[in-house]
Amino acid sequence: MTTKQKQTERVALAIKDWIMQQDLEPGDRLPGEAEIMETWEASKSTVREAMRILEAQGLIKTKSGPKGGTFVREVPESKVNVILSNYLFLKMFLFETCISCASL
């Protein structure tokens, strides 16, 4: 993982944490790109990539036009179930791998 990737993930995580701390709800607008760059001391490309990560995760939606911006999105229950299922599968896989290695 490159430093750029780490920075992007750090900013994406910071934005997620900020959304939770501010108790934002679906439809609430996030700050503009310039404010995010200043708040988290990140470059424009890092902020844009972090936003793409959050959008791919289904947490935000970006709209263009006069009433555009970046908004918190409602995460569908089906997506939550898939994410949680994948997380638990990977944790179980790692646990089983550790047990297998320990028994050698």
N, C-alpha and C. Protein backbone atom coordinates (compact mmCIF):
# COMPACT_ATOMS: atom_id res chain seq x y z
N MET A 1 0.85 -1.18 0.00
CA MET A 1 0.00 0.00 0.00
C MET A 1 0.89 1.24 0.00
N THR A 2 0.61 2.14 -0.92
CA THR A 2 1.42 3.35 -1.03
C THR A 2 0.98 4.39 -0.01
N THR A 3 1.82 5.39 0.17
CA THR A 3 1.49 6.49 1.08
C THR A 3 0.23 7.20 0.62
N LYS A 4 0.07 7.36 -0.70
CA LYS A 4 -1.12 8.01 -1.26
C LYS A 4 -2.38 7.24 -0.90
N GLN A 5 -2.32 5.90 -1.01
CA GLN A 5 -3.47 5.07 -0.66
C GLN A 5 -3.80 5.21 0.82
N LYS A 6 -2.77 5.20 1.65
CA LYS A 6 -2.99 5.34 3.09
C LYS A 6 -3.64 6.68 3.41
N GLN A 7 -3.15 7.74 2.76
CA GLN A 7 -3.71 9.08 2.97
C GLN A 7 -5.18 9.11 2.54
N THR A 8 -5.46 8.52 1.40
CA THR A 8 -6.84 8.49 0.89
C THR A 8 -7.74 7.75 1.86
N GLU A 9 -7.30 6.60 2.34
CA GLU A 9 -8.10 5.82 3.29
C GLU A 9 -8.27 6.56 4.60
N ARG A 10 -7.23 7.28 5.04
CA ARG A 10 -7.31 8.06 6.28
C ARG A 10 -8.37 9.14 6.15
N VAL A 11 -8.38 9.82 5.01
CA VAL A 11 -9.37 10.88 4.80
C VAL A 11 -10.77 10.29 4.70
N ALA A 12 -10.93 9.19 3.98
CA ALA A 12 -12.25 8.55 3.87
C ALA A 12 -12.76 8.15 5.25
N LEU A 13 -11.90 7.57 6.07
CA LEU A 13 -12.29 7.17 7.42
C LEU A 13 -12.63 8.39 8.28
N ALA A 14 -11.85 9.45 8.13
CA ALA A 14 -12.11 10.68 8.89
C ALA A 14 -13.46 11.28 8.52
N ILE A 15 -13.79 11.25 7.25
CA ILE A 15 -15.09 11.78 6.81
C ILE A 15 -16.22 10.92 7.36
N LYS A 16 -16.04 9.60 7.33
CA LYS A 16 -17.06 8.70 7.90
C LYS A 16 -17.26 9.00 9.38
N ASP A 17 -16.15 9.14 10.11
CA ASP A 17 -16.24 9.46 11.54
C ASP A 17 -16.94 10.79 11.75
N TRP A 18 -16.61 11.78 10.92
CA TRP A 18 -17.21 13.10 11.04
C TRP A 18 -18.72 13.03 10.81
N ILE A 19 -19.14 12.25 9.82
CA ILE A 19 -20.57 12.08 9.54
C ILE A 19 -21.28 11.54 10.78
N MET A 20 -20.65 10.57 11.44
CA MET A 20 -21.25 9.99 12.65
C MET A 20 -21.26 11.00 13.80
N GLN A 21 -20.15 11.70 14.00
CA GLN A 21 -20.05 12.67 15.09
C GLN A 21 -21.04 13.81 14.93
N GLN A 22 -21.27 14.22 13.69
CA GLN A 22 -22.20 15.31 13.43
C GLN A 22 -23.65 14.83 13.40
N ASP A 23 -23.82 13.52 13.53
CA ASP A 23 -25.15 12.91 13.52
C ASP A 23 -25.92 13.27 12.25
N LEU A 24 -25.20 13.24 11.12
CA LEU A 24 -25.82 13.57 9.85
C LEU A 24 -26.76 12.44 9.42
N GLU A 25 -27.78 12.82 8.71
CA GLU A 25 -28.78 11.87 8.25
C GLU A 25 -28.82 11.86 6.73
N PRO A 26 -29.44 10.83 6.15
CA PRO A 26 -29.56 10.79 4.69
C PRO A 26 -30.16 12.10 4.16
N GLY A 27 -29.52 12.63 3.13
CA GLY A 27 -29.96 13.88 2.53
C GLY A 27 -29.18 15.09 3.02
N ASP A 28 -28.48 14.97 4.15
CA ASP A 28 -27.68 16.08 4.65
C ASP A 28 -26.46 16.29 3.75
N ARG A 29 -26.12 17.55 3.56
CA ARG A 29 -25.01 17.92 2.67
C ARG A 29 -23.69 17.90 3.44
N LEU A 30 -22.66 17.38 2.79
CA LEU A 30 -21.31 17.42 3.33
C LEU A 30 -20.67 18.75 2.94
N PRO A 31 -19.61 19.14 3.65
CA PRO A 31 -18.90 20.37 3.27
C PRO A 31 -18.33 20.25 1.86
N GLY A 32 -18.00 21.38 1.28
CA GLY A 32 -17.41 21.40 -0.05
C GLY A 32 -15.99 20.86 -0.05
N GLU A 33 -15.51 20.59 -1.24
CA GLU A 33 -14.18 20.02 -1.42
C GLU A 33 -13.08 20.86 -0.76
N ALA A 34 -13.14 22.18 -0.93
CA ALA A 34 -12.11 23.06 -0.36
C ALA A 34 -12.08 22.97 1.16
N GLU A 35 -13.26 22.93 1.78
CA GLU A 35 -13.32 22.83 3.24
C GLU A 35 -12.78 21.49 3.73
N ILE A 36 -13.10 20.43 3.01
CA ILE A 36 -12.59 19.10 3.38
C ILE A 36 -11.07 19.07 3.24
N MET A 37 -10.55 19.68 2.16
CA MET A 37 -9.10 19.73 1.95
C MET A 37 -8.42 20.44 3.12
N GLU A 38 -9.00 21.54 3.56
CA GLU A 38 -8.42 22.31 4.66
C GLU A 38 -8.55 21.57 5.99
N THR A 39 -9.74 21.02 6.25
CA THR A 39 -9.99 20.35 7.52
C THR A 39 -9.06 19.17 7.74
N TRP A 40 -8.88 18.35 6.70
CA TRP A 40 -8.08 17.13 6.85
C TRP A 40 -6.71 17.25 6.18
N GLU A 41 -6.32 18.48 5.85
CA GLU A 41 -5.00 18.75 5.29
C GLU A 41 -4.64 17.75 4.19
N ALA A 42 -5.50 17.69 3.20
CA ALA A 42 -5.33 16.74 2.10
C ALA A 42 -5.40 17.47 0.76
N SER A 43 -4.78 16.87 -0.22
CA SER A 43 -4.80 17.44 -1.57
C SER A 43 -6.16 17.20 -2.22
N LYS A 44 -6.40 17.93 -3.29
CA LYS A 44 -7.66 17.79 -4.03
C LYS A 44 -7.83 16.36 -4.53
N SER A 45 -6.76 15.77 -5.07
CA SER A 45 -6.88 14.41 -5.60
C SER A 45 -7.15 13.39 -4.49
N THR A 46 -6.56 13.60 -3.32
CA THR A 46 -6.82 12.70 -2.18
C THR A 46 -8.27 12.79 -1.74
N VAL A 47 -8.78 14.02 -1.64
CA VAL A 47 -10.17 14.21 -1.23
C VAL A 47 -11.12 13.59 -2.26
N ARG A 48 -10.85 13.81 -3.53
CA ARG A 48 -11.72 13.24 -4.56
C ARG A 48 -11.71 11.72 -4.53
N GLU A 49 -10.54 11.13 -4.33
CA GLU A 49 -10.45 9.67 -4.26
C GLU A 49 -11.16 9.15 -3.00
N ALA A 50 -11.01 9.85 -1.89
CA ALA A 50 -11.70 9.45 -0.65
C ALA A 50 -13.22 9.50 -0.86
N MET A 51 -13.69 10.52 -1.56
CA MET A 51 -15.12 10.63 -1.84
C MET A 51 -15.59 9.50 -2.75
N ARG A 52 -14.75 9.12 -3.71
CA ARG A 52 -15.10 7.99 -4.59
C ARG A 52 -15.21 6.70 -3.78
N ILE A 53 -14.32 6.52 -2.82
CA ILE A 53 -14.38 5.34 -1.95
C ILE A 53 -15.70 5.32 -1.19
N LEU A 54 -16.05 6.45 -0.58
CA LEU A 54 -17.29 6.53 0.20
C LEU A 54 -18.52 6.35 -0.69
N GLU A 55 -18.44 6.86 -1.92
CA GLU A 55 -19.57 6.69 -2.84
C GLU A 55 -19.69 5.22 -3.26
N ALA A 56 -18.56 4.57 -3.50
CA ALA A 56 -18.58 3.14 -3.86
C ALA A 56 -19.12 2.29 -2.72
N GLN A 57 -18.90 2.73 -1.49
CA GLN A 57 -19.42 2.03 -0.32
C GLN A 57 -20.90 2.32 -0.10
N GLY A 58 -21.44 3.26 -0.87
CA GLY A 58 -22.85 3.59 -0.76
C GLY A 58 -23.18 4.54 0.37
N LEU A 59 -22.17 5.21 0.92
CA LEU A 59 -22.40 6.09 2.06
C LEU A 59 -22.75 7.52 1.67
N ILE A 60 -22.30 7.94 0.49
CA ILE A 60 -22.59 9.29 0.03
C ILE A 60 -23.02 9.25 -1.43
N LYS A 61 -23.62 10.35 -1.87
CA LYS A 61 -24.03 10.49 -3.28
C LYS A 61 -23.66 11.90 -3.71
N THR A 62 -23.04 12.00 -4.87
CA THR A 62 -22.65 13.29 -5.41
C THR A 62 -23.60 13.67 -6.53
N LYS A 63 -24.13 14.89 -6.45
CA LYS A 63 -25.03 15.41 -7.48
C LYS A 63 -24.40 16.64 -8.08
N SER A 64 -24.58 16.81 -9.39
CA SER A 64 -24.05 18.00 -10.05
C SER A 64 -25.20 18.97 -10.33
N GLY A 65 -24.83 20.17 -10.69
CA GLY A 65 -25.84 21.18 -11.00
C GLY A 65 -25.94 22.22 -9.91
N PRO A 66 -26.90 23.16 -10.08
CA PRO A 66 -27.04 24.27 -9.14
C PRO A 66 -27.35 23.82 -7.71
N LYS A 67 -28.06 22.74 -7.56
CA LYS A 67 -28.38 22.24 -6.21
C LYS A 67 -27.53 21.01 -5.89
N GLY A 68 -26.40 20.92 -6.56
CA GLY A 68 -25.52 19.77 -6.40
C GLY A 68 -24.68 19.85 -5.14
N GLY A 69 -23.87 18.83 -5.00
CA GLY A 69 -22.99 18.72 -3.84
C GLY A 69 -22.88 17.25 -3.47
N THR A 70 -22.33 17.02 -2.31
CA THR A 70 -22.19 15.65 -1.81
C THR A 70 -23.10 15.49 -0.61
N PHE A 71 -23.89 14.43 -0.64
CA PHE A 71 -24.92 14.22 0.37
C PHE A 71 -24.78 12.84 1.01
N VAL A 72 -25.16 12.77 2.28
CA VAL A 72 -25.21 11.48 2.97
C VAL A 72 -26.32 10.67 2.34
N ARG A 73 -26.06 9.42 2.15
CA ARG A 73 -27.02 8.54 1.49
C ARG A 73 -27.56 7.50 2.47
N GLU A 74 -28.78 7.12 2.27
CA GLU A 74 -29.38 6.03 3.04
C GLU A 74 -28.71 4.74 2.57
N VAL A 75 -28.16 3.97 3.51
CA VAL A 75 -27.53 2.70 3.14
C VAL A 75 -28.61 1.62 3.19
N PRO A 76 -28.89 1.00 2.05
CA PRO A 76 -29.93 -0.03 2.02
C PRO A 76 -29.56 -1.22 2.92
N GLU A 77 -30.57 -1.79 3.54
CA GLU A 77 -30.35 -2.93 4.43
C GLU A 77 -29.65 -4.07 3.71
N SER A 78 -29.97 -4.28 2.45
CA SER A 78 -29.34 -5.37 1.69
C SER A 78 -27.83 -5.15 1.59
N LYS A 79 -27.41 -3.90 1.41
CA LYS A 79 -25.98 -3.61 1.32
C LYS A 79 -25.31 -3.82 2.67
N VAL A 80 -25.98 -3.44 3.74
CA VAL A 80 -25.44 -3.65 5.08
C VAL A 80 -25.26 -5.15 5.33
N ASN A 81 -26.24 -5.94 4.93
CA ASN A 81 -26.15 -7.39 5.11
C ASN A 81 -24.97 -7.97 4.35
N VAL A 82 -24.74 -7.52 3.13
CA VAL A 82 -23.63 -8.03 2.32
C VAL A 82 -22.29 -7.65 2.96
N ILE A 83 -22.17 -6.40 3.37
CA ILE A 83 -20.93 -5.93 3.99
C ILE A 83 -20.65 -6.71 5.27
N LEU A 84 -21.65 -6.85 6.11
CA LEU A 84 -21.48 -7.58 7.36
C LEU A 84 -21.16 -9.04 7.11
N SER A 85 -21.82 -9.64 6.15
CA SER A 85 -21.56 -11.04 5.81
C SER A 85 -20.12 -11.23 5.34
N ASN A 86 -19.66 -10.34 4.47
CA ASN A 86 -18.27 -10.42 3.99
C ASN A 86 -17.28 -10.24 5.13
N TYR A 87 -17.54 -9.30 6.00
CA TYR A 87 -16.67 -9.04 7.14
C TYR A 87 -16.56 -10.28 8.03
N LEU A 88 -17.71 -10.86 8.37
CA LEU A 88 -17.71 -12.04 9.23
C LEU A 88 -17.03 -13.23 8.55
N PHE A 89 -17.24 -13.39 7.25
CA PHE A 89 -16.59 -14.47 6.51
C PHE A 89 -15.08 -14.34 6.59
N LEU A 90 -14.57 -13.13 6.35
CA LEU A 90 -13.13 -12.92 6.39
C LEU A 90 -12.56 -13.12 7.78
N LYS A 91 -13.28 -12.68 8.80
CA LYS A 91 -12.82 -12.88 10.18
C LYS A 91 -12.76 -14.37 10.50
N MET A 92 -13.76 -15.12 10.08
CA MET A 92 -13.79 -16.55 10.32
C MET A 92 -12.65 -17.23 9.57
N PHE A 93 -12.41 -16.81 8.33
CA PHE A 93 -11.32 -17.37 7.54
C PHE A 93 -9.98 -17.13 8.23
N LEU A 94 -9.76 -15.91 8.71
CA LEU A 94 -8.51 -15.60 9.40
C LEU A 94 -8.37 -16.41 10.68
N PHE A 95 -9.45 -16.57 11.40
CA PHE A 95 -9.44 -17.36 12.63
C PHE A 95 -9.07 -18.80 12.33
N GLU A 96 -9.70 -19.38 11.31
CA GLU A 96 -9.41 -20.78 10.94
C GLU A 96 -7.97 -20.93 10.46
N THR A 97 -7.46 -19.94 9.76
CA THR A 97 -6.08 -19.97 9.30
C THR A 97 -5.12 -19.95 10.49
N CYS A 98 -5.42 -19.12 11.48
CA CYS A 98 -4.58 -19.04 12.68
C CYS A 98 -4.59 -20.37 13.43
N ILE A 99 -5.76 -20.98 13.54
CA ILE A 99 -5.88 -22.27 14.23
C ILE A 99 -5.07 -23.33 13.48
N SER A 100 -5.17 -23.34 12.16
CA SER A 100 -4.42 -24.31 11.34
C SER A 100 -2.91 -24.13 11.52
N CYS A 101 -2.47 -22.89 11.52
CA CYS A 101 -1.03 -22.62 11.68
C CYS A 101 -0.56 -23.01 13.08
N ALA A 102 -1.37 -22.77 14.07
CA ALA A 102 -1.00 -23.08 15.45
C ALA A 102 -0.88 -24.58 15.67
N SER A 103 -1.64 -25.36 14.93
CA SER A 103 -1.62 -26.81 15.13
C SER A 103 -0.45 -27.48 14.41
N LEU A 104 0.31 -26.74 13.62
CA LEU A 104 1.45 -27.32 12.90
C LEU A 104 2.61 -27.59 13.79
